[in-house]
Amino acid sequence: MKIFGLLVLALSLSIQIIAQTKDRLPCIDKEFSIVAHLFKDTFGVYNITEAEINSTIAGVNSDFTPICVSFKVCEFRYHDNWEYSVHNSDEEWSEMQNLYHVKNRINIFYVDTIKIPENACGYAGLGAIGSLNGGGIVIEIGCGIGTHSHELGHYFGLEHTFMDLGTTELANGSNCLTTADGICDTPADPFIKDSDMALWLDGCKFISTVRDANGDFYDPIVGNIMSYYPCSCGFTDGQFHKMADTYYSQIGMW
């Protein structure tokens, strides 16, 4: 009985240690200020309202609560230049930053349509939180909380969970540190960008029978915000740590 009691105590302590480790996420304890840039369309209309943007940002905040981060729009800037409402990043991104970027703020530019990059609901500079004089996020009007959280993930240094870096992550996670997003609690994801979503999901159930180099089946988290699956639920602990590390490496700038 004594041995049994000791085993129960050891198991209890192990569970507590695991729970404490999981809960021990960094707390940045900061509200980041956003400048929202709105552009007229060819009819001279701004196709998104301040209330819609504020509502979306309020939804985004819940995704970042575990590391004590929140966002608030501190200023709305209205621009007459309708040419940017149909956005081509190759031709306009540098110019937009030079003309409109506000230092020491997260700049989000709302456009009617993103033409380049193709099929994008938004895009952001990877780790752009490290640049106070440039960078930012472009969002296509109509793209909601999931897109904003995804692009802010990039802004804080997160890659996609799938293998768009030309590397092949194994399903058993043995090369997780050196492939895909380099984060080990985001399981390997064989998703191919711009492919037919029906090949991968039935609702929010992963159905692909693709196997890795070892012949193992994949089992990605289809609800991960940094995936391309339309089942956005949240970030992993590893992703939270990565975002916090990216911020802390630039903390003197903020």
C-alpha atoms as a PDB file:
ATOM      1  CA  MET A   1       0.000   0.000   0.000  1.00  0.00           C
ATOM      2  CA  LYS A   2       2.885   2.317   0.828  1.00  0.00           C
ATOM      3  CA  ILE A   3       4.430   1.754  -2.623  1.00  0.00           C
ATOM      4  CA  PHE A   4       1.049   2.334  -4.252  1.00  0.00           C
ATOM      5  CA  GLY A   5       0.659   5.577  -2.324  1.00  0.00           C
ATOM      6  CA  LEU A   6       4.098   6.733  -3.437  1.00  0.00           C
ATOM      7  CA  LEU A   7       3.232   5.915  -7.052  1.00  0.00           C
ATOM      8  CA  VAL A   8       0.010   7.917  -6.826  1.00  0.00           C
ATOM      9  CA  LEU A   9       1.911  10.843  -5.293  1.00  0.00           C
ATOM     10  CA  ALA A  10       4.572  10.694  -8.025  1.00  0.00           C
ATOM     11  CA  LEU A  11       1.887  10.576 -10.719  1.00  0.00           C
ATOM     12  CA  SER A  12       0.102  13.525  -9.142  1.00  0.00           C
ATOM     13  CA  LEU A  13       3.317  15.540  -9.003  1.00  0.00           C
ATOM     14  CA  SER A  14       4.085  14.668 -12.650  1.00  0.00           C
ATOM     15  CA  ILE A  15       0.650  15.874 -13.745  1.00  0.00           C
ATOM     16  CA  GLN A  16       1.142  19.103 -11.818  1.00  0.00           C
ATOM     17  CA  ILE A  17       4.576  19.656 -13.352  1.00  0.00           C
ATOM     18  CA  ILE A  18       3.195  19.069 -16.862  1.00  0.00           C
ATOM     19  CA  ALA A  19       0.292  21.436 -16.205  1.00  0.00           C
ATOM     20  CA  GLN A  20       2.612  24.093 -14.802  1.00  0.00           C
ATOM     21  CA  THR A  21       4.963  23.758 -17.773  1.00  0.00           C
ATOM     22  CA  LYS A  22       2.075  24.108 -20.215  1.00  0.00           C
ATOM     23  CA  ASP A  23       0.727  27.147 -18.381  1.00  0.00           C
ATOM     24  CA  ARG A  24       4.110  28.821 -18.146  1.00  0.00           C
ATOM     25  CA  LEU A  25       3.723  30.983 -21.222  1.00  0.00           C
ATOM     26  CA  PRO A  26       5.460  34.358 -21.309  1.00  0.00           C
ATOM     27  CA  CYS A  27       3.321  37.381 -20.471  1.00  0.00           C
ATOM     28  CA  ILE A  28       4.300  40.353 -22.641  1.00  0.00           C
ATOM     29  CA  ASP A  29       1.700  42.514 -20.904  1.00  0.00           C
ATOM     30  CA  LYS A  30       1.376  45.064 -23.692  1.00  0.00           C
ATOM     31  CA  GLU A  31      -1.295  46.705 -25.804  1.00  0.00           C
ATOM     32  CA  PHE A  32       0.034  47.451 -29.285  1.00  0.00           C
ATOM     33  CA  SER A  33      -1.262  50.493 -31.138  1.00  0.00           C
ATOM     34  CA  ILE A  34      -2.550  50.094 -34.681  1.00  0.00           C
ATOM     35  CA  VAL A  35      -2.874  52.737 -37.355  1.00  0.00           C
ATOM     36  CA  ALA A  36      -5.572  51.638 -39.812  1.00  0.00           C
ATOM     37  CA  HIS A  37      -5.164  53.009 -43.336  1.00  0.00           C
ATOM     38  CA  LEU A  38      -8.276  53.123 -45.545  1.00  0.00           C
ATOM     39  CA  PHE A  39      -8.305  53.779 -49.290  1.00  0.00           C
ATOM     40  CA  LYS A  40     -11.152  55.015 -51.476  1.00  0.00           C
ATOM     41  CA  ASP A  41     -12.264  52.842 -54.359  1.00  0.00           C
ATOM     42  CA  THR A  42     -12.764  54.137 -57.912  1.00  0.00           C
ATOM     43  CA  PHE A  43     -16.198  55.483 -56.900  1.00  0.00           C
ATOM     44  CA  GLY A  44     -14.708  57.465 -54.037  1.00  0.00           C
ATOM     45  CA  VAL A  45     -16.114  55.147 -51.372  1.00  0.00           C
ATOM     46  CA  TYR A  46     -14.378  53.676 -48.314  1.00  0.00           C
ATOM     47  CA  ASN A  47     -15.715  50.132 -48.224  1.00  0.00           C
ATOM     48  CA  ILE A  48     -15.040  49.394 -44.580  1.00  0.00           C
ATOM     49  CA  THR A  49     -16.056  51.254 -41.444  1.00  0.00           C
ATOM     50  CA  GLU A  50     -14.211  52.083 -38.256  1.00  0.00           C
ATOM     51  CA  ALA A  51     -16.756  50.033 -36.307  1.00  0.00           C
ATOM     52  CA  GLU A  52     -16.086  46.956 -38.472  1.00  0.00           C
ATOM     53  CA  ILE A  53     -12.338  47.258 -37.985  1.00  0.00           C
ATOM     54  CA  ASN A  54     -12.648  47.778 -34.226  1.00  0.00           C
ATOM     55  CA  SER A  55     -14.923  44.757 -33.951  1.00  0.00           C
ATOM     56  CA  THR A  56     -12.441  42.579 -35.854  1.00  0.00           C
ATOM     57  CA  ILE A  57      -9.494  43.713 -33.730  1.00  0.00           C
ATOM     58  CA  ALA A  58     -11.507  42.935 -30.583  1.00  0.00           C
ATOM     59  CA  GLY A  59     -11.907  39.389 -31.912  1.00  0.00           C
ATOM     60  CA  VAL A  60      -8.200  39.139 -32.696  1.00  0.00           C
ATOM     61  CA  ASN A  61      -7.333  40.041 -29.109  1.00  0.00           C
ATOM     62  CA  SER A  62      -8.776  36.782 -27.808  1.00  0.00           C
ATOM     63  CA  ASP A  63      -6.260  34.837 -29.944  1.00  0.00           C
ATOM     64  CA  PHE A  64      -3.340  36.646 -28.295  1.00  0.00           C
ATOM     65  CA  THR A  65      -4.642  36.692 -24.710  1.00  0.00           C
ATOM     66  CA  PRO A  66      -2.490  33.701 -23.582  1.00  0.00           C
ATOM     67  CA  ILE A  67       0.666  35.859 -23.881  1.00  0.00           C
ATOM     68  CA  CYS A  68      -0.997  38.994 -22.496  1.00  0.00           C
ATOM     69  CA  VAL A  69      -0.997  40.840 -25.835  1.00  0.00           C
ATOM     70  CA  SER A  70      -3.792  43.009 -27.151  1.00  0.00           C
ATOM     71  CA  PHE A  71      -4.233  45.459 -30.008  1.00  0.00           C
ATOM     72  CA  LYS A  72      -6.134  48.722 -30.295  1.00  0.00           C
ATOM     73  CA  VAL A  73      -6.669  51.045 -33.232  1.00  0.00           C
ATOM     74  CA  CYS A  74      -5.323  54.387 -32.079  1.00  0.00           C
ATOM     75  CA  GLU A  75      -5.871  56.204 -35.378  1.00  0.00           C
ATOM     76  CA  PHE A  76      -7.747  55.865 -38.657  1.00  0.00           C
ATOM     77  CA  ARG A  77      -6.139  57.488 -41.668  1.00  0.00           C
ATOM     78  CA  TYR A  78      -8.147  58.057 -44.840  1.00  0.00           C
ATOM     79  CA  HIS A  79      -6.381  58.213 -48.207  1.00  0.00           C
ATOM     80  CA  ASP A  80      -7.851  59.451 -51.476  1.00  0.00           C
ATOM     81  CA  ASN A  81      -5.495  57.414 -53.640  1.00  0.00           C
ATOM     82  CA  TRP A  82      -7.909  54.912 -55.219  1.00  0.00           C
ATOM     83  CA  GLU A  83      -5.118  53.261 -57.214  1.00  0.00           C
ATOM     84  CA  TYR A  84      -4.148  51.344 -54.087  1.00  0.00           C
ATOM     85  CA  SER A  85      -7.643  49.883 -53.650  1.00  0.00           C
ATOM     86  CA  VAL A  86      -6.657  47.178 -56.158  1.00  0.00           C
ATOM     87  CA  HIS A  87      -3.338  46.252 -54.629  1.00  0.00           C
ATOM     88  CA  ASN A  88      -0.221  44.977 -56.381  1.00  0.00           C
ATOM     89  CA  SER A  89       2.513  44.365 -53.819  1.00  0.00           C
ATOM     90  CA  ASP A  90       5.262  44.223 -56.460  1.00  0.00           C
ATOM     91  CA  GLU A  91       4.501  47.750 -57.634  1.00  0.00           C
ATOM     92  CA  GLU A  92       2.943  49.478 -54.630  1.00  0.00           C
ATOM     93  CA  TRP A  93       4.087  48.058 -51.296  1.00  0.00           C
ATOM     94  CA  SER A  94       7.340  50.017 -50.984  1.00  0.00           C
ATOM     95  CA  GLU A  95       5.641  53.193 -52.166  1.00  0.00           C
ATOM     96  CA  MET A  96       2.769  52.802 -49.691  1.00  0.00           C
ATOM     97  CA  GLN A  97       5.178  52.451 -46.803  1.00  0.00           C
ATOM     98  CA  ASN A  98       7.181  55.476 -47.872  1.00  0.00           C
ATOM     99  CA  LEU A  99       4.049  57.601 -48.185  1.00  0.00           C
ATOM    100  CA  TYR A 100       1.934  56.440 -45.302  1.00  0.00           C
ATOM    101  CA  HIS A 101       3.797  54.329 -42.724  1.00  0.00           C
ATOM    102  CA  VAL A 102       3.528  55.685 -39.162  1.00  0.00           C
ATOM    103  CA  LYS A 103       6.553  55.014 -36.984  1.00  0.00           C
ATOM    104  CA  ASN A 104       6.205  53.085 -33.712  1.00  0.00           C
ATOM    105  CA  ARG A 105       2.827  51.681 -34.717  1.00  0.00           C
ATOM    106  CA  ILE A 106       1.519  48.532 -36.348  1.00  0.00           C
ATOM    107  CA  ASN A 107       0.287  49.777 -39.713  1.00  0.00           C
ATOM    108  CA  ILE A 108      -2.597  47.874 -41.311  1.00  0.00           C
ATOM    109  CA  PHE A 109      -3.566  48.882 -44.846  1.00  0.00           C
ATOM    110  CA  TYR A 110      -7.103  47.941 -45.937  1.00  0.00           C
ATOM    111  CA  VAL A 111      -7.621  47.502 -49.689  1.00  0.00           C
ATOM    112  CA  ASP A 112     -10.579  46.324 -51.769  1.00  0.00           C
ATOM    113  CA  THR A 113      -8.683  43.652 -53.682  1.00  0.00           C
ATOM    114  CA  ILE A 114      -5.235  42.109 -53.470  1.00  0.00           C
ATOM    115  CA  LYS A 115      -4.141  41.352 -57.018  1.00  0.00           C
ATOM    116  CA  ILE A 116      -0.546  40.436 -56.188  1.00  0.00           C
ATOM    117  CA  PRO A 117       0.206  38.161 -54.334  1.00  0.00           C
ATOM    118  CA  GLU A 118      -2.461  36.093 -56.043  1.00  0.00           C
ATOM    119  CA  ASN A 119      -5.271  34.526 -54.033  1.00  0.00           C
ATOM    120  CA  ALA A 120      -4.153  36.308 -50.862  1.00  0.00           C
ATOM    121  CA  CYS A 121      -6.553  37.646 -48.258  1.00  0.00           C
ATOM    122  CA  GLY A 122      -3.655  39.502 -46.686  1.00  0.00           C
ATOM    123  CA  TYR A 123       0.085  39.538 -46.216  1.00  0.00           C
ATOM    124  CA  ALA A 124       2.628  40.812 -43.718  1.00  0.00           C
ATOM    125  CA  GLY A 125       6.346  41.221 -43.363  1.00  0.00           C
ATOM    126  CA  LEU A 126       7.859  38.248 -41.507  1.00  0.00           C
ATOM    127  CA  GLY A 127       9.056  39.487 -38.117  1.00  0.00           C
ATOM    128  CA  ALA A 128       8.169  43.049 -39.158  1.00  0.00           C
ATOM    129  CA  ILE A 129       7.697  43.963 -35.510  1.00  0.00           C
ATOM    130  CA  GLY A 130      11.461  44.513 -35.667  1.00  0.00           C
ATOM    131  CA  SER A 131      11.059  47.427 -38.073  1.00  0.00           C
ATOM    132  CA  LEU A 132       9.691  50.715 -36.765  1.00  0.00           C
ATOM    133  CA  ASN A 133      10.278  52.661 -39.979  1.00  0.00           C
ATOM    134  CA  GLY A 134       8.588  50.286 -42.389  1.00  0.00           C
ATOM    135  CA  GLY A 135       6.719  47.021 -42.754  1.00  0.00           C
ATOM    136  CA  GLY A 136       3.156  46.404 -41.806  1.00  0.00           C
ATOM    137  CA  ILE A 137       0.178  44.388 -42.929  1.00  0.00           C
ATOM    138  CA  VAL A 138      -2.118  44.537 -45.960  1.00  0.00           C
ATOM    139  CA  ILE A 139      -5.643  43.144 -45.554  1.00  0.00           C
ATOM    140  CA  GLU A 140      -8.277  42.672 -48.226  1.00  0.00           C
ATOM    141  CA  ILE A 141     -11.621  44.128 -47.105  1.00  0.00           C
ATOM    142  CA  GLY A 142     -13.994  41.324 -46.166  1.00  0.00           C
ATOM    143  CA  CYS A 143     -11.298  39.108 -44.659  1.00  0.00           C
ATOM    144  CA  GLY A 144     -11.993  38.683 -40.976  1.00  0.00           C
ATOM    145  CA  ILE A 145     -10.506  37.775 -37.615  1.00  0.00           C
ATOM    146  CA  GLY A 146      -8.677  34.664 -38.835  1.00  0.00           C
ATOM    147  CA  THR A 147      -6.815  36.595 -41.542  1.00  0.00           C
ATOM    148  CA  HIS A 148      -5.860  39.371 -39.120  1.00  0.00           C
ATOM    149  CA  SER A 149      -4.548  36.896 -36.534  1.00  0.00           C
ATOM    150  CA  HIS A 150      -2.696  34.947 -39.240  1.00  0.00           C
ATOM    151  CA  GLU A 151      -0.962  38.054 -40.590  1.00  0.00           C
ATOM    152  CA  LEU A 152      -0.143  39.302 -37.086  1.00  0.00           C
ATOM    153  CA  GLY A 153       1.393  35.870 -36.506  1.00  0.00           C
ATOM    154  CA  HIS A 154       3.712  36.528 -39.465  1.00  0.00           C
ATOM    155  CA  TYR A 155       4.356  40.027 -38.119  1.00  0.00           C
ATOM    156  CA  PHE A 156       5.542  38.433 -34.868  1.00  0.00           C
ATOM    157  CA  GLY A 157       7.792  35.967 -36.673  1.00  0.00           C
ATOM    158  CA  LEU A 158       5.674  32.878 -37.394  1.00  0.00           C
ATOM    159  CA  GLU A 159       5.973  30.888 -40.603  1.00  0.00           C
ATOM    160  CA  HIS A 160       3.179  28.805 -42.110  1.00  0.00           C
ATOM    161  CA  THR A 161       2.721  25.364 -40.575  1.00  0.00           C
ATOM    162  CA  PHE A 162       2.919  23.675 -43.968  1.00  0.00           C
ATOM    163  CA  MET A 163       5.954  22.988 -46.081  1.00  0.00           C
ATOM    164  CA  ASP A 164       6.236  26.017 -48.316  1.00  0.00           C
ATOM    165  CA  LEU A 165       9.928  26.466 -47.471  1.00  0.00           C
ATOM    166  CA  GLY A 166      11.075  23.661 -49.747  1.00  0.00           C
ATOM    167  CA  THR A 167      11.626  21.228 -46.864  1.00  0.00           C
ATOM    168  CA  THR A 168       9.866  18.005 -45.931  1.00  0.00           C
ATOM    169  CA  GLU A 169       8.853  17.594 -42.312  1.00  0.00           C
ATOM    170  CA  LEU A 170       8.346  14.015 -41.181  1.00  0.00           C
ATOM    171  CA  ALA A 171       5.084  13.017 -39.547  1.00  0.00           C
ATOM    172  CA  ASN A 172       6.926  11.638 -36.493  1.00  0.00           C
ATOM    173  CA  GLY A 173       8.367  15.095 -35.797  1.00  0.00           C
ATOM    174  CA  SER A 174      11.997  13.941 -35.773  1.00  0.00           C
ATOM    175  CA  ASN A 175      13.133  16.844 -37.979  1.00  0.00           C
ATOM    176  CA  CYS A 176      10.666  19.437 -36.672  1.00  0.00           C
ATOM    177  CA  LEU A 177      13.333  21.930 -35.614  1.00  0.00           C
ATOM    178  CA  THR A 178      14.929  22.181 -39.043  1.00  0.00           C
ATOM    179  CA  THR A 179      11.942  21.971 -41.408  1.00  0.00           C
ATOM    180  CA  ALA A 180       8.666  23.793 -42.119  1.00  0.00           C
ATOM    181  CA  ASP A 181       8.008  26.365 -39.364  1.00  0.00           C
ATOM    182  CA  GLY A 182      10.732  25.053 -37.034  1.00  0.00           C
ATOM    183  CA  ILE A 183       8.230  24.614 -34.194  1.00  0.00           C
ATOM    184  CA  CYS A 184       7.753  21.126 -32.806  1.00  0.00           C
ATOM    185  CA  ASP A 185       4.245  21.308 -31.391  1.00  0.00           C
ATOM    186  CA  THR A 186       2.809  22.147 -34.814  1.00  0.00           C
ATOM    187  CA  PRO A 187       2.600  18.686 -36.429  1.00  0.00           C
ATOM    188  CA  ALA A 188       3.902  18.171 -39.946  1.00  0.00           C
ATOM    189  CA  ASP A 189       1.481  19.443 -42.566  1.00  0.00           C
ATOM    190  CA  PRO A 190       1.753  18.329 -46.231  1.00  0.00           C
ATOM    191  CA  PHE A 191      -0.636  21.028 -47.515  1.00  0.00           C
ATOM    192  CA  ILE A 192       0.278  22.435 -50.929  1.00  0.00           C
ATOM    193  CA  LYS A 193      -0.413  26.119 -51.437  1.00  0.00           C
ATOM    194  CA  ASP A 194      -3.149  26.984 -53.966  1.00  0.00           C
ATOM    195  CA  SER A 195      -4.303  23.357 -54.180  1.00  0.00           C
ATOM    196  CA  ASP A 196      -7.937  22.247 -53.999  1.00  0.00           C
ATOM    197  CA  MET A 197      -9.036  22.318 -50.355  1.00  0.00           C
ATOM    198  CA  ALA A 198     -11.324  19.339 -51.017  1.00  0.00           C
ATOM    199  CA  LEU A 199      -8.202  17.185 -51.304  1.00  0.00           C
ATOM    200  CA  TRP A 200      -7.329  17.932 -47.705  1.00  0.00           C
ATOM    201  CA  LEU A 201     -10.498  18.500 -45.697  1.00  0.00           C
ATOM    202  CA  ASP A 202     -14.000  17.191 -45.244  1.00  0.00           C
ATOM    203  CA  GLY A 203     -15.433  20.025 -43.204  1.00  0.00           C
ATOM    204  CA  CYS A 204     -12.667  20.402 -40.646  1.00  0.00           C
ATOM    205  CA  LYS A 205     -11.570  16.755 -40.760  1.00  0.00           C
ATOM    206  CA  PHE A 206      -8.195  16.062 -42.403  1.00  0.00           C
ATOM    207  CA  ILE A 207      -8.750  13.415 -45.089  1.00  0.00           C
ATOM    208  CA  SER A 208      -5.568  13.390 -47.194  1.00  0.00           C
ATOM    209  CA  THR A 209      -3.883   9.997 -47.541  1.00  0.00           C
ATOM    210  CA  VAL A 210      -0.520  11.535 -48.459  1.00  0.00           C
ATOM    211  CA  ARG A 211       2.398   9.815 -46.687  1.00  0.00           C
ATOM    212  CA  ASP A 212       5.815  11.121 -45.725  1.00  0.00           C
ATOM    213  CA  ALA A 213       9.218   9.685 -46.664  1.00  0.00           C
ATOM    214  CA  ASN A 214       8.838   7.029 -43.953  1.00  0.00           C
ATOM    215  CA  GLY A 215       5.431   5.961 -45.222  1.00  0.00           C
ATOM    216  CA  ASP A 216       3.634   7.561 -42.268  1.00  0.00           C
ATOM    217  CA  PHE A 217       0.340   9.402 -42.533  1.00  0.00           C
ATOM    218  CA  TYR A 218       0.127  13.071 -41.583  1.00  0.00           C
ATOM    219  CA  ASP A 219      -2.134  14.433 -38.865  1.00  0.00           C
ATOM    220  CA  PRO A 220      -1.840  18.241 -38.876  1.00  0.00           C
ATOM    221  CA  ILE A 221      -3.755  20.621 -36.643  1.00  0.00           C
ATOM    222  CA  VAL A 222      -6.298  21.930 -39.134  1.00  0.00           C
ATOM    223  CA  GLY A 223      -7.408  24.593 -36.642  1.00  0.00           C
ATOM    224  CA  ASN A 224      -3.988  26.202 -36.399  1.00  0.00           C
ATOM    225  CA  ILE A 225      -4.122  29.896 -37.238  1.00  0.00           C
ATOM    226  CA  MET A 226      -0.901  29.672 -39.270  1.00  0.00           C
ATOM    227  CA  SER A 227      -2.244  26.937 -41.533  1.00  0.00           C
ATOM    228  CA  TYR A 228      -4.289  27.639 -44.651  1.00  0.00           C
ATOM    229  CA  TYR A 229      -7.207  25.491 -43.539  1.00  0.00           C
ATOM    230  CA  PRO A 230     -10.445  27.470 -42.992  1.00  0.00           C
ATOM    231  CA  CYS A 231     -10.867  26.108 -39.459  1.00  0.00           C
ATOM    232  CA  SER A 232      -8.979  28.727 -37.470  1.00  0.00           C
ATOM    233  CA  CYS A 233      -8.984  28.010 -33.718  1.00  0.00           C
ATOM    234  CA  GLY A 234      -5.728  29.169 -32.161  1.00  0.00           C
ATOM    235  CA  PHE A 235      -1.949  29.097 -31.791  1.00  0.00           C
ATOM    236  CA  THR A 236       0.125  26.406 -30.071  1.00  0.00           C
ATOM    237  CA  ASP A 237       2.338  27.013 -27.031  1.00  0.00           C
ATOM    238  CA  GLY A 238       5.386  26.762 -29.274  1.00  0.00           C
ATOM    239  CA  GLN A 239       4.014  29.479 -31.541  1.00  0.00           C
ATOM    240  CA  PHE A 240       3.280  31.698 -28.534  1.00  0.00           C
ATOM    241  CA  HIS A 241       6.869  31.270 -27.357  1.00  0.00           C
ATOM    242  CA  LYS A 242       8.179  32.073 -30.842  1.00  0.00           C
ATOM    243  CA  MET A 243       6.124  35.274 -31.043  1.00  0.00           C
ATOM    244  CA  ALA A 244       7.218  36.342 -27.569  1.00  0.00           C
ATOM    245  CA  ASP A 245      10.869  35.627 -28.412  1.00  0.00           C
ATOM    246  CA  THR A 246      10.562  37.720 -31.584  1.00  0.00           C
ATOM    247  CA  TYR A 247       9.109  40.599 -29.579  1.00  0.00           C
ATOM    248  CA  TYR A 248      11.652  40.360 -26.760  1.00  0.00           C
ATOM    249  CA  SER A 249      14.511  40.426 -29.267  1.00  0.00           C
ATOM    250  CA  GLN A 250      13.224  43.875 -30.336  1.00  0.00           C
ATOM    251  CA  ILE A 251      11.885  45.109 -27.010  1.00  0.00           C
ATOM    252  CA  GLY A 252      14.096  48.198 -27.002  1.00  0.00           C
ATOM    253  CA  MET A 253      12.238  49.389 -30.094  1.00  0.00           C
ATOM    254  CA  TRP A 254       8.848  49.330 -28.396  1.00  0.00           C
END
